[in-house]
PDB file of N, CA and C in Angstrom:
ATOM      1  N   MET A   1     -63.770 -87.344  71.077  1.00  0.00           N
ATOM      2  CA  MET A   1     -65.213 -86.888  71.594  1.00  0.00           C
ATOM      3  C   MET A   1     -65.848 -87.287  72.456  1.00  0.00           C
ATOM      4  N   ARG A   2     -65.501 -88.622  73.256  1.00  0.00           N
ATOM      5  CA  ARG A   2     -66.061 -88.989  74.192  1.00  0.00           C
ATOM      6  C   ARG A   2     -65.230 -87.764  75.588  1.00  0.00           C
ATOM      7  N   ILE A   3     -63.967 -87.581  75.176  1.00  0.00           N
ATOM      8  CA  ILE A   3     -63.373 -86.997  76.471  1.00  0.00           C
ATOM      9  C   ILE A   3     -63.946 -85.634  76.353  1.00  0.00           C
ATOM     10  N   ALA A   4     -64.299 -85.104  75.373  1.00  0.00           N
ATOM     11  CA  ALA A   4     -64.794 -83.496  75.196  1.00  0.00           C
ATOM     12  C   ALA A   4     -66.389 -83.601  76.005  1.00  0.00           C
ATOM     13  N   LEU A   5     -67.165 -84.571  75.539  1.00  0.00           N
ATOM     14  CA  LEU A   5     -68.548 -84.753  76.088  1.00  0.00           C
ATOM     15  C   LEU A   5     -68.540 -84.805  77.245  1.00  0.00           C
ATOM     16  N   ARG A   6     -67.499 -85.782  77.785  1.00  0.00           N
ATOM     17  CA  ARG A   6     -67.276 -85.667  79.485  1.00  0.00           C
ATOM     18  C   ARG A   6     -67.098 -84.186  80.102  1.00  0.00           C
ATOM     19  N   LEU A   7     -65.765 -83.875  79.425  1.00  0.00           N
ATOM     20  CA  LEU A   7     -65.691 -82.303  79.891  1.00  0.00           C
ATOM     21  C   LEU A   7     -66.659 -81.459  79.897  1.00  0.00           C
ATOM     22  N   LEU A   8     -67.426 -81.329  79.008  1.00  0.00           N
ATOM     23  CA  LEU A   8     -68.626 -80.544  78.714  1.00  0.00           C
ATOM     24  C   LEU A   8     -69.695 -80.671  79.831  1.00  0.00           C
ATOM     25  N   MET A   9     -69.657 -81.838  80.351  1.00  0.00           N
ATOM     26  CA  MET A   9     -70.803 -82.377  81.390  1.00  0.00           C
ATOM     27  C   MET A   9     -70.469 -82.284  82.489  1.00  0.00           C
ATOM     28  N   ALA A  10     -68.888 -82.071  82.864  1.00  0.00           N
ATOM     29  CA  ALA A  10     -68.359 -81.556  84.132  1.00  0.00           C
ATOM     30  C   ALA A  10     -68.217 -80.377  84.335  1.00  0.00           C
ATOM     31  N   ILE A  11     -68.165 -79.480  83.115  1.00  0.00           N
ATOM     32  CA  ILE A  11     -68.230 -77.964  83.134  1.00  0.00           C
ATOM     33  C   ILE A  11     -69.770 -77.224  83.664  1.00  0.00           C
ATOM     34  N   LEU A  12     -70.491 -78.010  82.585  1.00  0.00           N
ATOM     35  CA  LEU A  12     -72.477 -78.035  83.006  1.00  0.00           C
ATOM     36  C   LEU A  12     -72.691 -78.390  84.055  1.00  0.00           C
ATOM     37  N   VAL A  13     -72.033 -79.482  85.053  1.00  0.00           N
ATOM     38  CA  VAL A  13     -72.514 -79.637  86.379  1.00  0.00           C
ATOM     39  C   VAL A  13     -71.967 -78.924  87.371  1.00  0.00           C
ATOM     40  N   ALA A  14     -70.913 -78.373  87.325  1.00  0.00           N
ATOM     41  CA  ALA A  14     -70.132 -77.282  87.892  1.00  0.00           C
ATOM     42  C   ALA A  14     -70.825 -76.255  88.026  1.00  0.00           C
ATOM     43  N   VAL A  15     -71.323 -75.466  87.032  1.00  0.00           N
ATOM     44  CA  VAL A  15     -72.011 -74.364  86.808  1.00  0.00           C
ATOM     45  C   VAL A  15     -73.136 -74.438  87.684  1.00  0.00           C
ATOM     46  N   MET A  16     -73.939 -75.469  87.380  1.00  0.00           N
ATOM     47  CA  MET A  16     -75.405 -75.962  87.870  1.00  0.00           C
ATOM     48  C   MET A  16     -75.029 -75.810  89.394  1.00  0.00           C
ATOM     49  N   THR A  17     -73.969 -76.465  89.782  1.00  0.00           N
ATOM     50  CA  THR A  17     -73.945 -76.562  91.018  1.00  0.00           C
ATOM     51  C   THR A  17     -73.550 -75.343  91.897  1.00  0.00           C
ATOM     52  N   VAL A  18     -72.823 -74.347  91.188  1.00  0.00           N
ATOM     53  CA  VAL A  18     -72.589 -73.061  91.625  1.00  0.00           C
ATOM     54  C   VAL A  18     -73.691 -72.384  91.810  1.00  0.00           C
ATOM     55  N   TRP A  19     -74.879 -72.557  90.956  1.00  0.00           N
ATOM     56  CA  TRP A  19     -75.964 -71.839  90.633  1.00  0.00           C
ATOM     57  C   TRP A  19     -76.899 -72.181  91.695  1.00  0.00           C
ATOM     58  N   ALA A  20     -76.724 -73.795  92.268  1.00  0.00           N
ATOM     59  CA  ALA A  20     -77.841 -74.111  92.909  1.00  0.00           C
ATOM     60  C   ALA A  20     -77.194 -73.586  94.462  1.00  0.00           C
ATOM     61  N   ALA A  21     -75.899 -73.549  94.588  1.00  0.00           N
ATOM     62  CA  ALA A  21     -75.596 -73.232  96.127  1.00  0.00           C
ATOM     63  C   ALA A  21     -75.652 -71.775  96.027  1.00  0.00           C
ATOM     64  N   GLY A  22     -75.678 -70.949  95.211  1.00  0.00           N
ATOM     65  CA  GLY A  22     -76.036 -69.568  95.213  1.00  0.00           C
ATOM     66  C   GLY A  22     -77.455 -69.400  95.576  1.00  0.00           C
ATOM     67  N   ALA A  23     -78.625 -70.298  95.134  1.00  0.00           N
ATOM     68  CA  ALA A  23     -79.929 -70.111  95.563  1.00  0.00           C
ATOM     69  C   ALA A  23     -80.481 -70.686  96.901  1.00  0.00           C
ATOM     70  N   ILE A  24     -79.568 -71.354  97.001  1.00  0.00           N
ATOM     71  CA  ILE A  24     -79.594 -72.043  98.597  1.00  0.00           C
ATOM     72  C   ILE A  24     -79.006 -70.695  99.518  1.00  0.00           C
ATOM     73  N   VAL A  25     -77.939 -70.180  99.513  1.00  0.00           N
ATOM     74  CA  VAL A  25     -77.531 -69.079 100.386  1.00  0.00           C
ATOM     75  C   VAL A  25     -78.500 -67.808 100.292  1.00  0.00           C
ATOM     76  N   TYR A  26     -78.876 -67.540  98.919  1.00  0.00           N
ATOM     77  CA  TYR A  26     -79.834 -66.522  99.062  1.00  0.00           C
ATOM     78  C   TYR A  26     -81.459 -66.729  99.207  1.00  0.00           C
ATOM     79  N   SER A  27     -81.912 -67.857  99.468  1.00  0.00           N
ATOM     80  CA  SER A  27     -83.097 -68.093  99.686  1.00  0.00           C
ATOM     81  C   SER A  27     -83.510 -67.732 101.331  1.00  0.00           C
ATOM     82  N   PRO A  28     -84.829 -67.752 101.413  1.00  0.00           N
ATOM     83  CA  PRO A  28     -85.499 -66.921 102.563  1.00  0.00           C
ATOM     84  C   PRO A  28     -85.414 -68.033 103.918  1.00  0.00           C
ATOM     85  N   LEU A  29     -84.381 -68.779 104.003  1.00  0.00           N
ATOM     86  CA  LEU A  29     -84.520 -70.209 105.034  1.00  0.00           C
ATOM     87  C   LEU A  29     -83.943 -69.456 106.285  1.00  0.00           C
ATOM     88  N   SER A  30     -84.215 -69.975 107.880  1.00  0.00           N
ATOM     89  CA  SER A  30     -83.911 -69.013 108.778  1.00  0.00           C
ATOM     90  C   SER A  30     -82.910 -68.086 109.010  1.00  0.00           C
ATOM     91  N   SER A  31     -81.858 -68.795 108.800  1.00  0.00           N
ATOM     92  CA  SER A  31     -80.512 -67.673 109.418  1.00  0.00           C
ATOM     93  C   SER A  31     -79.505 -68.214 108.451  1.00  0.00           C
ATOM     94  N   GLN A  32     -78.739 -67.042 107.852  1.00  0.00           N
ATOM     95  CA  GLN A  32     -77.647 -66.838 106.988  1.00  0.00           C
ATOM     96  C   GLN A  32     -76.610 -68.073 107.481  1.00  0.00           C
ATOM     97  N   GLY A  33     -76.072 -68.631 108.694  1.00  0.00           N
ATOM     98  CA  GLY A  33     -75.158 -69.395 108.882  1.00  0.00           C
ATOM     99  C   GLY A  33     -76.040 -70.847 108.361  1.00  0.00           C
ATOM    100  N   PHE A  34     -77.116 -70.967 108.536  1.00  0.00           N
ATOM    101  CA  PHE A  34     -77.617 -72.334 108.164  1.00  0.00           C
ATOM    102  C   PHE A  34     -77.297 -72.388 106.906  1.00  0.00           C
ATOM    103  N   ARG A  35     -77.964 -71.212 105.925  1.00  0.00           N
ATOM    104  CA  ARG A  35     -77.896 -71.306 104.361  1.00  0.00           C
ATOM    105  C   ARG A  35     -76.817 -71.465 104.103  1.00  0.00           C
ATOM    106  N   ILE A  36     -75.662 -70.999 104.467  1.00  0.00           N
ATOM    107  CA  ILE A  36     -74.330 -71.314 104.087  1.00  0.00           C
ATOM    108  C   ILE A  36     -73.543 -72.453 104.250  1.00  0.00           C
ATOM    109  N   ALA A  37     -74.182 -73.038 105.113  1.00  0.00           N
ATOM    110  CA  ALA A  37     -74.003 -74.523 105.734  1.00  0.00           C
ATOM    111  C   ALA A  37     -74.180 -75.314 104.959  1.00  0.00           C
ATOM    112  N   LEU A  38     -75.796 -75.439 104.503  1.00  0.00           N
ATOM    113  CA  LEU A  38     -76.677 -76.078 103.407  1.00  0.00           C
ATOM    114  C   LEU A  38     -76.125 -75.952 102.405  1.00  0.00           C
ATOM    115  N   ALA A  39     -75.551 -75.003 101.777  1.00  0.00           N
ATOM    116  CA  ALA A  39     -75.028 -74.784 100.461  1.00  0.00           C
ATOM    117  C   ALA A  39     -73.608 -75.321 100.335  1.00  0.00           C
ATOM    118  N   GLY A  40     -72.605 -75.232 101.452  1.00  0.00           N
ATOM    119  CA  GLY A  40     -71.634 -76.238 101.403  1.00  0.00           C
ATOM    120  C   GLY A  40     -71.648 -77.446 101.608  1.00  0.00           C
ATOM    121  N   ILE A  41     -72.924 -78.171 102.254  1.00  0.00           N
ATOM    122  CA  ILE A  41     -73.008 -79.641 102.119  1.00  0.00           C
ATOM    123  C   ILE A  41     -73.758 -79.896 100.810  1.00  0.00           C
ATOM    124  N   PHE A  42     -74.455 -79.134 100.040  1.00  0.00           N
ATOM    125  CA  PHE A  42     -74.725 -79.447  98.997  1.00  0.00           C
ATOM    126  C   PHE A  42     -73.682 -79.762  97.684  1.00  0.00           C
ATOM    127  N   VAL A  43     -72.530 -78.541  98.146  1.00  0.00           N
ATOM    128  CA  VAL A  43     -71.488 -78.659  96.896  1.00  0.00           C
ATOM    129  C   VAL A  43     -70.591 -80.219  97.297  1.00  0.00           C
ATOM    130  N   PHE A  44     -70.324 -80.089  98.678  1.00  0.00           N
ATOM    131  CA  PHE A  44     -69.504 -81.206  99.173  1.00  0.00           C
ATOM    132  C   PHE A  44     -70.065 -82.519  98.678  1.00  0.00           C
ATOM    133  N   THR A  45     -71.540 -82.677  98.887  1.00  0.00           N
ATOM    134  CA  THR A  45     -72.231 -83.815  98.486  1.00  0.00           C
ATOM    135  C   THR A  45     -72.073 -84.125  96.780  1.00  0.00           C
ATOM    136  N   THR A  46     -72.472 -83.181  96.133  1.00  0.00           N
ATOM    137  CA  THR A  46     -72.324 -83.098  94.542  1.00  0.00           C
ATOM    138  C   THR A  46     -70.944 -83.986  94.503  1.00  0.00           C
ATOM    139  N   ALA A  47     -69.909 -83.056  94.896  1.00  0.00           N
ATOM    140  CA  ALA A  47     -68.688 -83.453  94.460  1.00  0.00           C
ATOM    141  C   ALA A  47     -67.984 -84.851  94.817  1.00  0.00           C
ATOM    142  N   LEU A  48     -68.226 -85.107  96.138  1.00  0.00           N
ATOM    143  CA  LEU A  48     -68.336 -86.657  96.373  1.00  0.00           C
ATOM    144  C   LEU A  48     -68.910 -87.611  95.737  1.00  0.00           C
ATOM    145  N   ALA A  49     -70.325 -87.372  95.325  1.00  0.00           N
ATOM    146  CA  ALA A  49     -70.906 -88.332  94.763  1.00  0.00           C
ATOM    147  C   ALA A  49     -70.477 -88.332  93.148  1.00  0.00           C
ATOM    148  N   PHE A  50     -69.715 -87.497  92.528  1.00  0.00           N
ATOM    149  CA  PHE A  50     -69.569 -87.546  91.303  1.00  0.00           C
ATOM    150  C   PHE A  50     -67.980 -88.269  91.188  1.00  0.00           C
ATOM    151  N   LEU A  51     -67.270 -87.914  92.688  1.00  0.00           N
ATOM    152  CA  LEU A  51     -66.168 -88.686  92.366  1.00  0.00           C
ATOM    153  C   LEU A  51     -65.808 -90.181  93.186  1.00  0.00           C
ATOM    154  N   ARG A  52     -67.006 -90.516  93.845  1.00  0.00           N
ATOM    155  CA  ARG A  52     -67.091 -92.030  94.423  1.00  0.00           C
ATOM    156  C   ARG A  52     -68.030 -92.679  93.734  1.00  0.00           C
ATOM    157  N   LEU A  53     -69.074 -92.376  93.529  1.00  0.00           N
ATOM    158  CA  LEU A  53     -70.032 -93.126  92.801  1.00  0.00           C
ATOM    159  C   LEU A  53     -69.443 -93.673  91.395  1.00  0.00           C
ATOM    160  N   ARG A  54     -69.472 -94.860  91.020  1.00  0.00           N
ATOM    161  CA  ARG A  54     -68.933 -95.865  89.776  1.00  0.00           C
ATOM    162  C   ARG A  54     -70.063 -95.336  88.555  1.00  0.00           C
ATOM    163  N   ASN A  55     -71.411 -95.355  89.020  1.00  0.00           N
ATOM    164  CA  ASN A  55     -72.339 -95.328  87.379  1.00  0.00           C
ATOM    165  C   ASN A  55     -72.617 -93.953  87.573  1.00  0.00           C
ATOM    166  N   ARG A  56     -71.824 -93.342  86.574  1.00  0.00           N
ATOM    167  CA  ARG A  56     -72.036 -91.777  86.305  1.00  0.00           C
ATOM    168  C   ARG A  56     -73.318 -91.438  86.095  1.00  0.00           C
ATOM    169  N   ARG A  57     -73.985 -91.980  85.017  1.00  0.00           N
ATOM    170  CA  ARG A  57     -75.371 -91.816  84.380  1.00  0.00           C
ATOM    171  C   ARG A  57     -76.527 -91.833  85.637  1.00  0.00           C
ATOM    172  N   ARG A  58     -76.507 -92.523  86.823  1.00  0.00           N
ATOM    173  CA  ARG A  58     -77.252 -92.578  87.781  1.00  0.00           C
ATOM    174  C   ARG A  58     -76.824 -91.368  88.600  1.00  0.00           C
ATOM    175  N   THR A  59     -75.461 -91.034  88.680  1.00  0.00           N
ATOM    176  CA  THR A  59     -75.391 -89.859  89.336  1.00  0.00           C
ATOM    177  C   THR A  59     -75.530 -88.778  89.171  1.00  0.00           C
ATOM    178  N   LEU A  60     -75.686 -88.659  87.605  1.00  0.00           N
ATOM    179  CA  LEU A  60     -75.927 -87.440  87.000  1.00  0.00           C
ATOM    180  C   LEU A  60     -77.630 -87.268  87.146  1.00  0.00           C
ATOM    181  N   LEU A  61     -78.365 -88.510  86.707  1.00  0.00           N
ATOM    182  CA  LEU A  61     -79.676 -88.336  86.796  1.00  0.00           C
ATOM    183  C   LEU A  61     -80.142 -87.641  88.531  1.00  0.00           C
ATOM    184  N   GLY A  62     -79.673 -88.409  89.296  1.00  0.00           N
ATOM    185  CA  GLY A  62     -79.975 -87.948  90.594  1.00  0.00           C
ATOM    186  C   GLY A  62     -79.604 -86.470  90.820  1.00  0.00           C
ATOM    187  N   PHE A  63     -78.375 -86.206  90.255  1.00  0.00           N
ATOM    188  CA  PHE A  63     -78.231 -84.614  90.595  1.00  0.00           C
ATOM    189  C   PHE A  63     -79.318 -83.722  89.596  1.00  0.00           C
ATOM    190  N   LEU A  64     -79.555 -84.309  88.575  1.00  0.00           N
ATOM    191  CA  LEU A  64     -80.646 -83.598  88.021  1.00  0.00           C
ATOM    192  C   LEU A  64     -81.800 -83.463  88.443  1.00  0.00           C
ATOM    193  N   VAL A  65     -82.476 -84.527  89.167  1.00  0.00           N
ATOM    194  CA  VAL A  65     -83.658 -84.722  89.873  1.00  0.00           C
ATOM    195  C   VAL A  65     -83.539 -83.329  90.955  1.00  0.00           C
ATOM    196  N   VAL A  66     -82.389 -83.652  91.857  1.00  0.00           N
ATOM    197  CA  VAL A  66     -82.072 -82.584  93.023  1.00  0.00           C
ATOM    198  C   VAL A  66     -82.101 -81.085  92.243  1.00  0.00           C
ATOM    199  N   PHE A  67     -81.297 -80.776  91.296  1.00  0.00           N
ATOM    200  CA  PHE A  67     -81.280 -79.663  90.752  1.00  0.00           C
ATOM    201  C   PHE A  67     -82.682 -79.105  90.438  1.00  0.00           C
ATOM    202  N   ALA A  68     -83.465 -79.781  90.093  1.00  0.00           N
ATOM    203  CA  ALA A  68     -84.922 -79.374  89.548  1.00  0.00           C
ATOM    204  C   ALA A  68     -85.759 -79.122  90.458  1.00  0.00           C
ATOM    205  N   VAL A  69     -85.701 -80.001  91.643  1.00  0.00           N
ATOM    206  CA  VAL A  69     -86.158 -79.262  92.570  1.00  0.00           C
ATOM    207  C   VAL A  69     -85.714 -78.364  93.223  1.00  0.00           C
ATOM    208  N   LEU A  70     -84.311 -77.915  93.297  1.00  0.00           N
ATOM    209  CA  LEU A  70     -84.021 -76.589  93.873  1.00  0.00           C
ATOM    210  C   LEU A  70     -84.619 -75.628  92.709  1.00  0.00           C
ATOM    211  N   VAL A  71     -84.542 -75.478  91.578  1.00  0.00           N
ATOM    212  CA  VAL A  71     -84.926 -74.664  90.777  1.00  0.00           C
ATOM    213  C   VAL A  71     -86.782 -74.640  90.868  1.00  0.00           C
ATOM    214  N   ALA A  72     -87.316 -75.403  91.184  1.00  0.00           N
ATOM    215  CA  ALA A  72     -88.677 -75.165  91.210  1.00  0.00           C
ATOM    216  C   ALA A  72     -88.972 -74.661  92.590  1.00  0.00           C
ATOM    217  N   LEU A  73     -87.945 -74.669  93.677  1.00  0.00           N
ATOM    218  CA  LEU A  73     -88.437 -73.827  94.902  1.00  0.00           C
ATOM    219  C   LEU A  73     -87.838 -73.154  94.895  1.00  0.00           C
ATOM    220  N   PHE A  74     -86.944 -72.281  94.158  1.00  0.00           N
ATOM    221  CA  PHE A  74     -86.268 -71.259  93.954  1.00  0.00           C
ATOM    222  C   PHE A  74     -87.358 -70.001  93.340  1.00  0.00           C
ATOM    223  N   PHE A  75     -88.054 -70.614  92.301  1.00  0.00           N
ATOM    224  CA  PHE A  75     -89.278 -69.638  91.599  1.00  0.00           C
ATOM    225  C   PHE A  75     -90.349 -69.894  92.428  1.00  0.00           C
ATOM    226  N   GLN A  76     -90.501 -70.395  93.545  1.00  0.00           N
ATOM    227  CA  GLN A  76     -91.754 -70.248  94.518  1.00  0.00           C
ATOM    228  C   GLN A  76     -91.311 -69.290  95.439  1.00  0.00           C
ATOM    229  N   ILE A  77     -90.235 -68.821  95.532  1.00  0.00           N
ATOM    230  CA  ILE A  77     -89.715 -67.756  96.424  1.00  0.00           C
ATOM    231  C   ILE A  77     -90.452 -66.300  96.018  1.00  0.00           C
ATOM    232  N   PRO A  78     -91.479 -65.796  97.116  1.00  0.00           N
ATOM    233  CA  PRO A  78     -92.106 -64.655  96.645  1.00  0.00           C
ATOM    234  C   PRO A  78     -91.505 -63.106  96.527  1.00  0.00           C
ATOM    235  N   ALA A  79     -91.748 -62.283  95.586  1.00  0.00           N
ATOM    236  CA  ALA A  79     -91.001 -61.330  95.498  1.00  0.00           C
ATOM    237  C   ALA A  79     -91.195 -60.257  96.490  1.00  0.00           C
ATOM    238  N   SER A  80     -90.350 -59.550  96.813  1.00  0.00           N
ATOM    239  CA  SER A  80     -90.749 -58.618  98.184  1.00  0.00           C
ATOM    240  C   SER A  80     -89.515 -57.555  98.294  1.00  0.00           C
ATOM    241  N   ASN A  81     -90.423 -56.350  98.647  1.00  0.00           N
ATOM    242  CA  ASN A  81     -89.389 -55.064  98.696  1.00  0.00           C
ATOM    243  C   ASN A  81     -89.063 -55.024 100.239  1.00  0.00           C
ATOM    244  N   ASP A  82     -89.394 -56.009 101.274  1.00  0.00           N
ATOM    245  CA  ASP A  82     -89.264 -55.668 102.701  1.00  0.00           C
ATOM    246  C   ASP A  82     -87.899 -56.508 103.089  1.00  0.00           C
ATOM    247  N   ARG A  83     -87.022 -56.545 102.234  1.00  0.00           N
ATOM    248  CA  ARG A  83     -85.802 -56.894 102.417  1.00  0.00           C
ATOM    249  C   ARG A  83     -84.808 -55.930 102.960  1.00  0.00           C
ATOM    250  N   GLU A  84     -83.720 -56.155 103.660  1.00  0.00           N
ATOM    251  CA  GLU A  84     -82.254 -55.433 103.601  1.00  0.00           C
ATOM    252  C   GLU A  84     -81.848 -55.075 102.183  1.00  0.00           C
ATOM    253  N   TRP A  85     -81.701 -53.892 101.824  1.00  0.00           N
ATOM    254  CA  TRP A  85     -81.310 -53.193 100.681  1.00  0.00           C
ATOM    255  C   TRP A  85     -79.994 -52.537 100.998  1.00  0.00           C
ATOM    256  N   GLN A  86     -79.049 -52.414 100.151  1.00  0.00           N
ATOM    257  CA  GLN A  86     -77.904 -51.934 100.241  1.00  0.00           C
ATOM    258  C   GLN A  86     -78.609 -50.185 100.118  1.00  0.00           C
ATOM    259  N   PRO A  87     -77.716 -49.521 100.937  1.00  0.00           N
ATOM    260  CA  PRO A  87     -78.128 -47.919 100.773  1.00  0.00           C
ATOM    261  C   PRO A  87     -78.418 -47.332  99.533  1.00  0.00           C
ATOM    262  N   GLU A  88     -77.630 -47.480  98.482  1.00  0.00           N
ATOM    263  CA  GLU A  88     -77.971 -46.754  97.242  1.00  0.00           C
ATOM    264  C   GLU A  88     -79.064 -47.196  96.640  1.00  0.00           C
ATOM    265  N   VAL A  89     -79.456 -48.322  96.952  1.00  0.00           N
ATOM    266  CA  VAL A  89     -80.758 -49.125  96.237  1.00  0.00           C
ATOM    267  C   VAL A  89     -81.935 -49.295  96.901  1.00  0.00           C
ATOM    268  N   ALA A  90     -81.668 -48.499  98.372  1.00  0.00           N
ATOM    269  CA  ALA A  90     -82.975 -48.795  99.349  1.00  0.00           C
ATOM    270  C   ALA A  90     -84.070 -48.157  98.655  1.00  0.00           C
ATOM    271  N   ILE A  91     -83.992 -46.839  97.882  1.00  0.00           N
ATOM    272  CA  ILE A  91     -85.238 -46.281  97.359  1.00  0.00           C
ATOM    273  C   ILE A  91     -85.550 -46.184  95.907  1.00  0.00           C
ATOM    274  N   ALA A  92     -86.843 -46.749  95.314  1.00  0.00           N
ATOM    275  CA  ALA A  92     -87.171 -46.938  94.312  1.00  0.00           C
ATOM    276  C   ALA A  92     -86.995 -45.603  93.582  1.00  0.00           C
ATOM    277  N   PRO A  93     -86.393 -45.621  92.162  1.00  0.00           N
ATOM    278  CA  PRO A  93     -86.000 -44.349  91.815  1.00  0.00           C
ATOM    279  C   PRO A  93     -87.554 -43.899  91.153  1.00  0.00           C
ATOM    280  N   TYR A  94     -87.754 -42.516  90.906  1.00  0.00           N
ATOM    281  CA  TYR A  94     -89.102 -41.883  90.586  1.00  0.00           C
ATOM    282  C   TYR A  94     -88.914 -40.503  89.809  1.00  0.00           C
ATOM    283  N   ALA A  95     -89.857 -40.416  88.831  1.00  0.00           N
ATOM    284  CA  ALA A  95     -89.378 -39.116  87.866  1.00  0.00           C
ATOM    285  C   ALA A  95     -90.825 -38.409  88.051  1.00  0.00           C
ATOM    286  N   THR A  96     -90.823 -36.988  87.923  1.00  0.00           N
ATOM    287  CA  THR A  96     -91.737 -35.943  87.673  1.00  0.00           C
ATOM    288  C   THR A  96     -91.288 -35.523  86.834  1.00  0.00           C
ATOM    289  N   ILE A  97     -93.041 -35.326  85.424  1.00  0.00           N
ATOM    290  CA  ILE A  97     -92.821 -34.759  84.618  1.00  0.00           C
ATOM    291  C   ILE A  97     -93.420 -33.268  84.391  1.00  0.00           C
ATOM    292  N   ASN A  98     -93.107 -32.439  84.206  1.00  0.00           N
ATOM    293  CA  ASN A  98     -93.530 -31.183  83.952  1.00  0.00           C
ATOM    294  C   ASN A  98     -93.852 -30.591  82.337  1.00  0.00           C
ATOM    295  N   GLY A  99     -95.144 -30.591  82.240  1.00  0.00           N
ATOM    296  CA  GLY A  99     -95.292 -30.136  80.688  1.00  0.00           C
ATOM    297  C   GLY A  99     -95.029 -31.045  79.865  1.00  0.00           C
TER     298      GLY A  99
END
């Protein structure tokens, strides 16, 4: 049972790490290269922390705090249509009803 719980936590942390890295990459920070580097640093630091630090509970708590901050910052990004869109979705759909 203990092994199954650790495996479940490892999968959950991995999924959360991938989501956080994606949130960093698609954030409105200065340049794309900086965002990609920051996401890579986040993934590397998370993996290193869980592989090297002995106190797993404290490491998990620290990760959850950082993840919560990233989620809060992600929801602070204002919605905008003034971004670069793919050509097939660049124009909002509309309909005209006659009668």
